Protein backbone atom coordinates (compact mmCIF):
# COMPACT_ATOMS: atom_id res chain seq x y z
CA MET A 1 -79.36 1.44 -60.77
CA ARG A 2 -78.87 -0.74 -57.73
CA GLN A 3 -75.19 0.18 -57.68
CA ALA A 4 -76.05 3.88 -57.30
CA VAL A 5 -78.31 3.44 -54.25
CA PRO A 6 -75.47 3.35 -51.65
CA TYR A 7 -73.91 6.46 -53.18
CA LEU A 8 -77.22 8.31 -53.16
CA ALA A 9 -77.81 7.33 -49.53
CA LEU A 10 -74.31 8.50 -48.61
CA GLY A 11 -74.96 11.81 -50.38
CA VAL A 12 -78.21 12.35 -48.48
CA VAL A 13 -76.48 11.65 -45.17
CA TYR A 14 -73.60 13.97 -46.06
CA LEU A 15 -75.96 16.81 -46.99
CA SER A 16 -77.99 16.36 -43.81
CA LEU A 17 -74.88 16.69 -41.61
CA SER A 18 -73.71 20.02 -43.03
CA THR A 19 -73.40 23.01 -40.71
CA PRO A 20 -74.18 26.66 -41.51
CA ALA A 21 -71.30 28.62 -43.01
CA PHE A 22 -72.10 32.13 -41.68
CA ALA A 23 -70.37 33.54 -44.76
CA TYR A 24 -70.23 37.25 -45.48
CA LEU A 25 -71.29 38.48 -48.90
CA ASP A 26 -70.25 42.04 -49.68
CA GLY A 27 -71.79 44.39 -52.20
CA ALA A 28 -69.58 43.33 -55.10
CA THR A 29 -70.66 39.70 -54.90
CA GLY A 30 -73.93 40.33 -56.71
CA SER A 31 -72.23 42.13 -59.57
CA MET A 32 -69.64 39.36 -59.84
CA LEU A 33 -72.40 36.76 -60.06
CA LEU A 34 -74.23 38.82 -62.67
CA GLN A 35 -71.03 39.22 -64.66
CA ALA A 36 -70.41 35.45 -64.54
CA ILE A 37 -73.96 34.74 -65.73
CA ILE A 38 -73.68 37.23 -68.59
CA GLY A 39 -70.25 35.90 -69.58
CA GLY A 40 -71.48 32.30 -69.52
CA THR A 41 -74.50 33.20 -71.61
CA ALA A 42 -72.34 35.01 -74.15
CA THR A 43 -69.95 32.06 -74.33
CA VAL A 44 -72.77 29.60 -74.93
CA ALA A 45 -74.22 31.89 -77.61
CA VAL A 46 -70.91 32.24 -79.49
CA VAL A 47 -70.06 28.54 -79.30
CA GLY A 48 -73.60 27.63 -80.36
CA ARG A 49 -73.47 30.03 -83.28
CA ASN A 50 -70.17 28.51 -84.41
CA TYR A 51 -71.57 24.97 -84.26
CA ILE A 52 -74.70 26.00 -86.13
CA ALA A 53 -72.58 27.66 -88.83
CA LYS A 54 -70.47 24.50 -89.19
CA ALA A 55 -73.60 22.35 -89.37
CA LYS A 56 -75.10 24.60 -92.05
CA GLN A 57 -71.86 24.43 -93.98
CA LEU A 58 -71.84 20.63 -93.86
CA LEU A 59 -75.48 20.36 -94.86
CA ALA A 60 -75.38 23.00 -97.59
CA ARG A 61 -75.81 21.67 -101.10
CA LYS A 62 -72.64 22.05 -103.12
CA PRO A 63 -73.05 23.37 -106.64
CA THR A 64 -72.58 20.72 -109.34
CA ARG A 65 -70.03 21.29 -112.06
CA LYS A 66 -70.97 20.76 -115.71
């Protein structure tokens, strides 16, 4: 933890010295952000569903042969 203190202090100083960007955001920016959020959510859902299916498959009891 002591090793991280200088880096944290440097980060605080760096963030306090930033200047305003005065950036322009047009009308399409909001829809692009919404599209990125929806796409990220869908990706997490599909990947999660695949991992859950694999976990169920590993944990499923295999039928015994007689």
